[in-house]
């Protein structure tokens, strides 16, 4: 399975989810193949995909983007304190939604691919690439700040 067969459905579903479900405008995005290390934003969630593939999906948010996502994700009036408490859970849940919606667009309709529950990484400063790994990232510039998508896998 090629990396593009995985990242393209993830990118498509992320752009669609942010625009239609959340009301975020993605002003621009770019794709980069990471040579040495990846520097995440303020809040990061990861999900492992296994079985037919072996990769890790990562989504990382600038604080202001995740705060606005959290406000839009919750229903009713929510205080600033509650938003602060909920934002990590929302960041992880959005990762889960994106992967769940992306699976049917992956090769073989996502059959044979298992996913782990999302994990939140606190104070993640960098992810270093080994010689046998490959990291592809998309940086999305939204009207509320930056969001990064990445897949981390082997060189194949």
N, C-alpha and C. Protein backbone atom coordinates (compact mmCIF):
# COMPACT_ATOMS: atom_id res chain seq x y z
N UNK A 1 0.84 -1.18 0.00
CA UNK A 1 0.00 0.00 0.00
C UNK A 1 0.88 1.25 0.00
N UNK A 2 0.59 2.16 -0.87
CA UNK A 2 1.39 3.39 -0.97
C UNK A 2 0.91 4.41 0.06
N UNK A 3 1.83 5.27 0.49
CA UNK A 3 1.50 6.30 1.47
C UNK A 3 0.38 7.21 0.96
N UNK A 4 0.37 7.51 -0.34
CA UNK A 4 -0.66 8.39 -0.88
C UNK A 4 -2.06 7.77 -0.77
N UNK A 5 -2.13 6.43 -0.79
CA UNK A 5 -3.41 5.75 -0.66
C UNK A 5 -3.98 5.91 0.75
N UNK A 6 -3.13 6.29 1.68
CA UNK A 6 -3.55 6.51 3.07
C UNK A 6 -3.75 8.00 3.35
N UNK A 7 -2.77 8.81 2.99
CA UNK A 7 -2.83 10.23 3.35
C UNK A 7 -3.89 10.98 2.55
N UNK A 8 -4.11 10.63 1.29
CA UNK A 8 -5.10 11.35 0.49
C UNK A 8 -6.52 11.25 1.05
N UNK A 9 -7.00 10.05 1.44
CA UNK A 9 -8.32 10.00 2.07
C UNK A 9 -8.38 10.76 3.40
N UNK A 10 -7.29 10.72 4.17
CA UNK A 10 -7.25 11.45 5.44
C UNK A 10 -7.34 12.95 5.18
N UNK A 11 -6.58 13.43 4.22
CA UNK A 11 -6.62 14.86 3.89
C UNK A 11 -8.01 15.25 3.40
N UNK A 12 -8.57 14.47 2.49
CA UNK A 12 -9.90 14.78 1.95
C UNK A 12 -10.95 14.86 3.06
N UNK A 13 -10.96 13.87 3.94
CA UNK A 13 -11.96 13.85 5.01
C UNK A 13 -11.71 14.95 6.04
N UNK A 14 -10.45 15.30 6.28
CA UNK A 14 -10.14 16.39 7.21
C UNK A 14 -10.66 17.71 6.66
N UNK A 15 -10.35 18.00 5.40
CA UNK A 15 -10.81 19.25 4.78
C UNK A 15 -12.33 19.32 4.79
N UNK A 16 -12.97 18.22 4.45
CA UNK A 16 -14.42 18.14 4.42
C UNK A 16 -15.01 18.34 5.82
N UNK A 17 -14.47 17.67 6.80
CA UNK A 17 -14.97 17.77 8.18
C UNK A 17 -14.81 19.19 8.73
N UNK A 18 -13.64 19.76 8.53
CA UNK A 18 -13.41 21.11 9.04
C UNK A 18 -14.36 22.12 8.42
N UNK A 19 -14.59 22.00 7.13
CA UNK A 19 -15.44 22.98 6.43
C UNK A 19 -16.92 22.76 6.72
N UNK A 20 -17.39 21.53 6.52
CA UNK A 20 -18.83 21.27 6.59
C UNK A 20 -19.32 21.13 8.03
N UNK A 21 -18.63 20.35 8.84
CA UNK A 21 -19.10 20.07 10.20
C UNK A 21 -18.72 21.16 11.20
N UNK A 22 -17.56 21.76 11.04
CA UNK A 22 -17.05 22.71 12.03
C UNK A 22 -17.17 24.16 11.55
N UNK A 23 -17.12 24.39 10.25
CA UNK A 23 -17.20 25.76 9.73
C UNK A 23 -15.86 26.47 9.69
N UNK A 24 -14.78 25.69 9.64
CA UNK A 24 -13.43 26.26 9.50
C UNK A 24 -13.11 26.38 8.02
N UNK A 25 -12.50 27.47 7.65
CA UNK A 25 -12.01 27.63 6.29
C UNK A 25 -10.52 27.28 6.27
N UNK A 26 -10.15 26.35 5.41
CA UNK A 26 -8.74 26.04 5.20
C UNK A 26 -8.28 26.93 4.06
N UNK A 27 -7.46 27.92 4.41
CA UNK A 27 -7.02 28.92 3.43
C UNK A 27 -5.98 28.36 2.48
N UNK A 28 -5.12 27.50 2.98
CA UNK A 28 -4.12 26.84 2.14
C UNK A 28 -3.55 25.66 2.90
N UNK A 29 -2.95 24.74 2.15
CA UNK A 29 -2.25 23.62 2.78
C UNK A 29 -1.09 23.21 1.89
N UNK A 30 -0.10 22.58 2.52
CA UNK A 30 1.04 22.09 1.74
C UNK A 30 1.48 20.74 2.29
N UNK A 31 2.10 19.98 1.43
CA UNK A 31 2.59 18.64 1.77
C UNK A 31 4.11 18.67 1.80
N UNK A 32 4.66 18.05 2.84
CA UNK A 32 6.12 18.00 2.98
C UNK A 32 6.52 16.58 3.38
N UNK A 33 7.55 16.06 2.73
CA UNK A 33 8.15 14.80 3.14
C UNK A 33 9.27 15.15 4.12
N UNK A 34 9.16 14.75 5.35
CA UNK A 34 10.10 15.14 6.41
C UNK A 34 11.42 14.39 6.25
N UNK A 35 12.51 15.13 6.26
CA UNK A 35 13.83 14.52 6.12
C UNK A 35 14.43 14.06 7.45
N UNK A 36 14.24 14.85 8.53
CA UNK A 36 14.88 14.49 9.79
C UNK A 36 13.94 14.45 10.99
N UNK A 37 13.25 15.57 11.27
CA UNK A 37 12.38 15.58 12.44
C UNK A 37 11.14 16.43 12.18
N UNK A 38 10.11 16.08 12.91
CA UNK A 38 8.82 16.75 12.83
C UNK A 38 8.62 17.52 14.12
N UNK A 39 8.26 18.79 14.01
CA UNK A 39 8.02 19.63 15.18
C UNK A 39 6.51 19.85 15.29
N UNK A 40 5.85 19.18 16.25
CA UNK A 40 4.40 19.34 16.39
C UNK A 40 4.01 20.70 16.96
N UNK A 41 2.73 21.02 16.89
CA UNK A 41 2.19 22.24 17.48
C UNK A 41 1.90 22.00 18.97
N UNK A 42 1.04 22.81 19.55
CA UNK A 42 0.80 22.82 20.99
C UNK A 42 0.13 21.56 21.53
N UNK A 43 -0.83 21.00 20.79
CA UNK A 43 -1.58 19.82 21.24
C UNK A 43 -1.58 18.79 20.13
N UNK A 44 -1.30 17.54 20.51
CA UNK A 44 -1.13 16.49 19.52
C UNK A 44 -1.89 15.23 19.93
N UNK A 45 -2.54 14.60 18.96
CA UNK A 45 -3.20 13.31 19.16
C UNK A 45 -2.67 12.34 18.11
N UNK A 46 -2.54 11.08 18.50
CA UNK A 46 -2.07 10.04 17.57
C UNK A 46 -3.02 8.85 17.61
N UNK A 47 -3.11 8.19 16.46
CA UNK A 47 -3.87 6.95 16.34
C UNK A 47 -3.01 5.98 15.52
N UNK A 48 -2.88 4.77 16.01
CA UNK A 48 -2.16 3.74 15.28
C UNK A 48 -3.10 3.00 14.34
N UNK A 49 -2.63 2.73 13.14
CA UNK A 49 -3.37 1.92 12.18
C UNK A 49 -2.55 0.68 11.91
N UNK A 50 -3.16 -0.48 12.09
CA UNK A 50 -2.43 -1.74 11.94
C UNK A 50 -3.20 -2.71 11.07
N UNK A 51 -2.74 -3.95 11.09
CA UNK A 51 -3.34 -4.98 10.26
C UNK A 51 -2.75 -4.94 8.88
N UNK A 52 -3.55 -4.52 7.89
CA UNK A 52 -3.11 -4.46 6.50
C UNK A 52 -2.03 -3.40 6.29
N UNK A 53 -1.93 -2.45 7.21
CA UNK A 53 -0.90 -1.41 7.15
C UNK A 53 -0.30 -1.24 8.54
N UNK A 54 0.81 -0.57 8.64
CA UNK A 54 1.42 -0.26 9.93
C UNK A 54 1.91 1.18 9.91
N UNK A 55 1.04 2.09 10.32
CA UNK A 55 1.41 3.50 10.35
C UNK A 55 0.82 4.14 11.60
N UNK A 56 1.30 5.33 11.87
CA UNK A 56 0.72 6.14 12.92
C UNK A 56 0.20 7.41 12.26
N UNK A 57 -1.02 7.78 12.61
CA UNK A 57 -1.61 9.05 12.17
C UNK A 57 -1.47 10.04 13.31
N UNK A 58 -1.06 11.25 12.98
CA UNK A 58 -0.90 12.29 13.98
C UNK A 58 -1.63 13.54 13.51
N UNK A 59 -2.32 14.19 14.43
CA UNK A 59 -2.90 15.51 14.17
C UNK A 59 -2.44 16.42 15.30
N UNK A 60 -1.97 17.58 14.92
CA UNK A 60 -1.40 18.51 15.90
C UNK A 60 -2.01 19.88 15.65
N UNK A 61 -2.37 20.55 16.74
CA UNK A 61 -3.10 21.81 16.66
C UNK A 61 -2.36 22.95 17.35
N UNK A 62 -2.38 24.12 16.75
CA UNK A 62 -2.01 25.31 17.50
C UNK A 62 -3.10 25.54 18.54
N UNK A 63 -2.72 26.10 19.67
CA UNK A 63 -3.66 26.30 20.77
C UNK A 63 -4.92 27.05 20.32
N UNK A 64 -4.76 28.15 19.59
CA UNK A 64 -5.93 28.95 19.21
C UNK A 64 -6.87 28.18 18.28
N UNK A 65 -6.33 27.33 17.43
CA UNK A 65 -7.17 26.52 16.55
C UNK A 65 -7.95 25.48 17.37
N UNK A 66 -7.28 24.83 18.32
CA UNK A 66 -7.96 23.81 19.12
C UNK A 66 -8.99 24.44 20.06
N UNK A 67 -8.72 25.62 20.57
CA UNK A 67 -9.71 26.30 21.41
C UNK A 67 -10.99 26.57 20.61
N UNK A 68 -10.84 27.08 19.40
CA UNK A 68 -12.02 27.37 18.57
C UNK A 68 -12.73 26.07 18.17
N UNK A 69 -11.97 25.03 17.82
CA UNK A 69 -12.58 23.74 17.50
C UNK A 69 -13.39 23.22 18.69
N UNK A 70 -12.85 23.37 19.89
CA UNK A 70 -13.53 22.89 21.10
C UNK A 70 -14.83 23.64 21.32
N UNK A 71 -14.80 24.95 21.14
CA UNK A 71 -16.02 25.75 21.30
C UNK A 71 -17.08 25.31 20.30
N UNK A 72 -16.69 25.02 19.09
CA UNK A 72 -17.65 24.62 18.06
C UNK A 72 -18.10 23.18 18.21
N UNK A 73 -17.25 22.35 18.81
CA UNK A 73 -17.53 20.93 18.97
C UNK A 73 -18.54 20.69 20.09
N UNK A 74 -18.53 21.54 21.11
CA UNK A 74 -19.41 21.37 22.26
C UNK A 74 -20.76 22.05 21.98
N UNK A 75 -21.77 21.60 22.66
CA UNK A 75 -23.12 22.13 22.47
C UNK A 75 -23.47 23.06 23.62
N UNK A 76 -24.17 24.14 23.32
CA UNK A 76 -24.61 25.06 24.36
C UNK A 76 -23.50 25.98 24.83
N UNK A 77 -23.80 26.72 25.88
CA UNK A 77 -22.82 27.65 26.47
C UNK A 77 -21.78 26.88 27.25
N UNK A 78 -20.54 27.17 27.00
CA UNK A 78 -19.43 26.52 27.71
C UNK A 78 -18.49 27.63 28.18
N UNK A 79 -18.13 27.58 29.46
CA UNK A 79 -17.23 28.60 30.00
C UNK A 79 -15.82 28.39 29.47
N UNK A 80 -15.00 29.43 29.56
CA UNK A 80 -13.61 29.33 29.13
C UNK A 80 -12.86 28.24 29.89
N UNK A 81 -13.17 28.07 31.17
CA UNK A 81 -12.53 27.03 31.98
C UNK A 81 -12.89 25.64 31.46
N UNK A 82 -14.17 25.47 31.10
CA UNK A 82 -14.61 24.17 30.57
C UNK A 82 -13.97 23.90 29.21
N UNK A 83 -13.86 24.91 28.38
CA UNK A 83 -13.21 24.75 27.08
C UNK A 83 -11.77 24.30 27.27
N UNK A 84 -11.08 24.91 28.20
CA UNK A 84 -9.68 24.55 28.48
C UNK A 84 -9.56 23.09 28.91
N UNK A 85 -10.51 22.64 29.74
CA UNK A 85 -10.50 21.26 30.22
C UNK A 85 -10.84 20.25 29.12
N UNK A 86 -11.67 20.66 28.18
CA UNK A 86 -12.17 19.75 27.15
C UNK A 86 -11.29 19.65 25.91
N UNK A 87 -10.39 20.60 25.72
CA UNK A 87 -9.72 20.68 24.41
C UNK A 87 -8.88 19.46 24.05
N UNK A 88 -8.20 18.84 25.01
CA UNK A 88 -7.44 17.64 24.66
C UNK A 88 -8.35 16.51 24.21
N UNK A 89 -9.48 16.34 24.92
CA UNK A 89 -10.44 15.29 24.54
C UNK A 89 -11.01 15.57 23.16
N UNK A 90 -11.31 16.82 22.86
CA UNK A 90 -11.85 17.19 21.56
C UNK A 90 -10.81 16.93 20.47
N UNK A 91 -9.56 17.31 20.72
CA UNK A 91 -8.50 17.06 19.75
C UNK A 91 -8.36 15.59 19.40
N UNK A 92 -8.47 14.73 20.43
CA UNK A 92 -8.40 13.28 20.20
C UNK A 92 -9.63 12.77 19.48
N UNK A 93 -10.80 13.27 19.85
CA UNK A 93 -12.03 12.82 19.22
C UNK A 93 -12.08 13.23 17.75
N UNK A 94 -11.58 14.41 17.43
CA UNK A 94 -11.54 14.82 16.02
C UNK A 94 -10.62 13.89 15.23
N UNK A 95 -9.49 13.50 15.80
CA UNK A 95 -8.60 12.53 15.15
C UNK A 95 -9.35 11.23 14.88
N UNK A 96 -10.11 10.77 15.86
CA UNK A 96 -10.87 9.54 15.73
C UNK A 96 -11.93 9.65 14.63
N UNK A 97 -12.62 10.77 14.58
CA UNK A 97 -13.64 11.00 13.55
C UNK A 97 -13.01 11.00 12.15
N UNK A 98 -11.90 11.69 12.01
CA UNK A 98 -11.22 11.77 10.71
C UNK A 98 -10.81 10.38 10.22
N UNK A 99 -10.18 9.60 11.09
CA UNK A 99 -9.75 8.25 10.69
C UNK A 99 -10.96 7.37 10.39
N UNK A 100 -11.97 7.44 11.23
CA UNK A 100 -13.18 6.63 11.00
C UNK A 100 -13.84 6.94 9.66
N UNK A 101 -13.87 8.20 9.29
CA UNK A 101 -14.47 8.59 8.01
C UNK A 101 -13.55 8.30 6.83
N UNK A 102 -12.25 8.20 7.08
CA UNK A 102 -11.27 7.96 6.01
C UNK A 102 -11.16 6.49 5.62
N UNK A 103 -11.39 5.60 6.56
CA UNK A 103 -11.18 4.16 6.30
C UNK A 103 -11.90 3.65 5.05
N UNK A 104 -13.16 3.98 4.82
CA UNK A 104 -13.82 3.46 3.62
C UNK A 104 -13.19 3.92 2.30
N UNK A 105 -12.42 5.01 2.33
CA UNK A 105 -11.78 5.51 1.11
C UNK A 105 -10.39 4.91 0.89
N UNK A 106 -9.90 4.16 1.86
CA UNK A 106 -8.58 3.53 1.74
C UNK A 106 -8.69 2.25 0.93
N UNK A 107 -7.56 1.71 0.48
CA UNK A 107 -7.60 0.48 -0.31
C UNK A 107 -8.43 -0.61 0.36
N UNK A 108 -9.17 -1.34 -0.45
CA UNK A 108 -10.03 -2.43 -0.01
C UNK A 108 -11.11 -1.93 0.95
N UNK A 109 -11.48 -0.67 0.83
CA UNK A 109 -12.52 -0.10 1.69
C UNK A 109 -12.16 -0.07 3.16
N UNK A 110 -10.86 -0.14 3.45
CA UNK A 110 -10.41 -0.13 4.84
C UNK A 110 -10.49 -1.48 5.53
N UNK A 111 -10.93 -2.50 4.80
CA UNK A 111 -11.02 -3.85 5.40
C UNK A 111 -9.62 -4.34 5.74
N UNK A 112 -9.50 -4.94 6.89
CA UNK A 112 -8.20 -5.46 7.35
C UNK A 112 -7.36 -4.42 8.07
N UNK A 113 -7.87 -3.19 8.20
CA UNK A 113 -7.14 -2.15 8.93
C UNK A 113 -7.77 -1.99 10.30
N UNK A 114 -6.96 -2.09 11.32
CA UNK A 114 -7.42 -1.88 12.69
C UNK A 114 -6.91 -0.53 13.17
N UNK A 115 -7.62 0.06 14.11
CA UNK A 115 -7.18 1.34 14.66
C UNK A 115 -7.15 1.27 16.18
N UNK A 116 -6.21 1.99 16.76
CA UNK A 116 -6.12 2.09 18.22
C UNK A 116 -6.98 3.25 18.68
N UNK A 117 -7.30 3.28 19.96
CA UNK A 117 -7.95 4.49 20.48
C UNK A 117 -6.96 5.66 20.36
N UNK A 118 -7.48 6.88 20.24
CA UNK A 118 -6.57 8.03 20.14
C UNK A 118 -5.84 8.26 21.46
N UNK A 119 -4.61 8.72 21.34
CA UNK A 119 -3.81 9.10 22.50
C UNK A 119 -3.43 10.56 22.37
N UNK A 120 -3.39 11.25 23.48
CA UNK A 120 -2.99 12.65 23.50
C UNK A 120 -1.54 12.71 23.98
N UNK A 121 -0.70 13.46 23.27
CA UNK A 121 0.69 13.62 23.66
C UNK A 121 0.88 14.98 24.28
N UNK A 122 1.33 15.00 25.52
CA UNK A 122 1.60 16.26 26.21
C UNK A 122 3.05 16.66 26.02
N UNK A 123 3.28 17.92 25.77
CA UNK A 123 4.64 18.47 25.66
C UNK A 123 5.51 17.75 24.65
N UNK A 124 4.93 17.35 23.54
CA UNK A 124 5.70 16.68 22.49
C UNK A 124 6.50 17.75 21.73
N UNK A 125 7.80 17.71 21.82
CA UNK A 125 8.64 18.74 21.22
C UNK A 125 9.09 18.39 19.81
N UNK A 126 9.32 17.11 19.55
CA UNK A 126 9.73 16.70 18.20
C UNK A 126 9.59 15.19 18.06
N UNK A 127 9.46 14.78 16.83
CA UNK A 127 9.46 13.36 16.48
C UNK A 127 10.59 13.20 15.48
N UNK A 128 11.59 12.42 15.87
CA UNK A 128 12.76 12.23 15.02
C UNK A 128 12.55 11.03 14.12
N UNK A 129 13.01 11.17 12.91
CA UNK A 129 12.86 10.14 11.88
C UNK A 129 14.08 9.23 11.89
N UNK A 130 13.83 7.93 11.87
CA UNK A 130 14.94 6.99 11.72
C UNK A 130 15.17 6.73 10.23
N UNK A 131 16.25 6.04 9.91
CA UNK A 131 16.56 5.77 8.49
C UNK A 131 15.50 4.93 7.82
N UNK A 132 14.86 4.05 8.58
CA UNK A 132 13.88 3.14 7.97
C UNK A 132 12.46 3.69 8.01
N UNK A 133 12.28 4.92 8.47
CA UNK A 133 10.93 5.47 8.57
C UNK A 133 10.70 6.57 7.54
N UNK A 134 9.43 6.87 7.36
CA UNK A 134 9.01 7.93 6.45
C UNK A 134 7.94 8.75 7.16
N UNK A 135 8.04 10.07 7.07
CA UNK A 135 7.04 10.96 7.64
C UNK A 135 6.56 11.91 6.55
N UNK A 136 5.27 11.92 6.34
CA UNK A 136 4.65 12.85 5.40
C UNK A 136 3.69 13.72 6.21
N UNK A 137 3.80 15.03 6.03
CA UNK A 137 2.91 15.91 6.78
C UNK A 137 2.22 16.90 5.84
N UNK A 138 1.04 17.29 6.26
CA UNK A 138 0.30 18.38 5.65
C UNK A 138 0.10 19.44 6.72
N UNK A 139 0.41 20.67 6.38
CA UNK A 139 0.12 21.78 7.28
C UNK A 139 -1.06 22.54 6.70
N UNK A 140 -2.11 22.68 7.50
CA UNK A 140 -3.33 23.35 7.07
C UNK A 140 -3.40 24.71 7.75
N UNK A 141 -3.47 25.74 6.95
CA UNK A 141 -3.63 27.09 7.49
C UNK A 141 -5.12 27.39 7.49
N UNK A 142 -5.69 27.53 8.69
CA UNK A 142 -7.12 27.81 8.80
C UNK A 142 -7.32 29.26 9.25
N UNK A 143 -8.57 29.67 9.26
CA UNK A 143 -8.89 31.02 9.71
C UNK A 143 -8.71 31.17 11.22
N UNK A 144 -8.40 30.09 11.94
CA UNK A 144 -8.17 30.15 13.39
C UNK A 144 -6.79 29.63 13.81
N UNK A 145 -5.92 29.37 12.88
CA UNK A 145 -4.58 28.89 13.22
C UNK A 145 -4.22 27.63 12.45
N UNK A 146 -3.08 27.08 12.79
CA UNK A 146 -2.52 25.96 12.04
C UNK A 146 -2.94 24.61 12.63
N UNK A 147 -3.13 23.65 11.72
CA UNK A 147 -3.38 22.25 12.07
C UNK A 147 -2.46 21.42 11.20
N UNK A 148 -1.79 20.45 11.80
CA UNK A 148 -0.87 19.58 11.06
C UNK A 148 -1.41 18.15 11.06
N UNK A 149 -1.37 17.52 9.89
CA UNK A 149 -1.66 16.10 9.75
C UNK A 149 -0.37 15.41 9.36
N UNK A 150 -0.12 14.22 9.89
CA UNK A 150 1.07 13.48 9.48
C UNK A 150 0.80 11.99 9.54
N UNK A 151 1.45 11.27 8.64
CA UNK A 151 1.50 9.82 8.78
C UNK A 151 2.97 9.43 8.91
N UNK A 152 3.17 8.48 9.80
CA UNK A 152 4.53 8.01 10.10
C UNK A 152 4.52 6.50 9.88
N UNK A 153 5.42 6.06 9.01
CA UNK A 153 5.49 4.64 8.70
C UNK A 153 6.87 4.26 8.23
N UNK A 154 6.97 3.07 7.66
CA UNK A 154 8.27 2.66 7.15
C UNK A 154 8.48 3.22 5.75
N UNK A 155 9.64 3.00 5.20
CA UNK A 155 10.02 3.58 3.91
C UNK A 155 9.31 2.99 2.70
N UNK A 156 8.52 1.97 2.87
CA UNK A 156 7.92 1.30 1.70
C UNK A 156 6.73 2.02 1.19
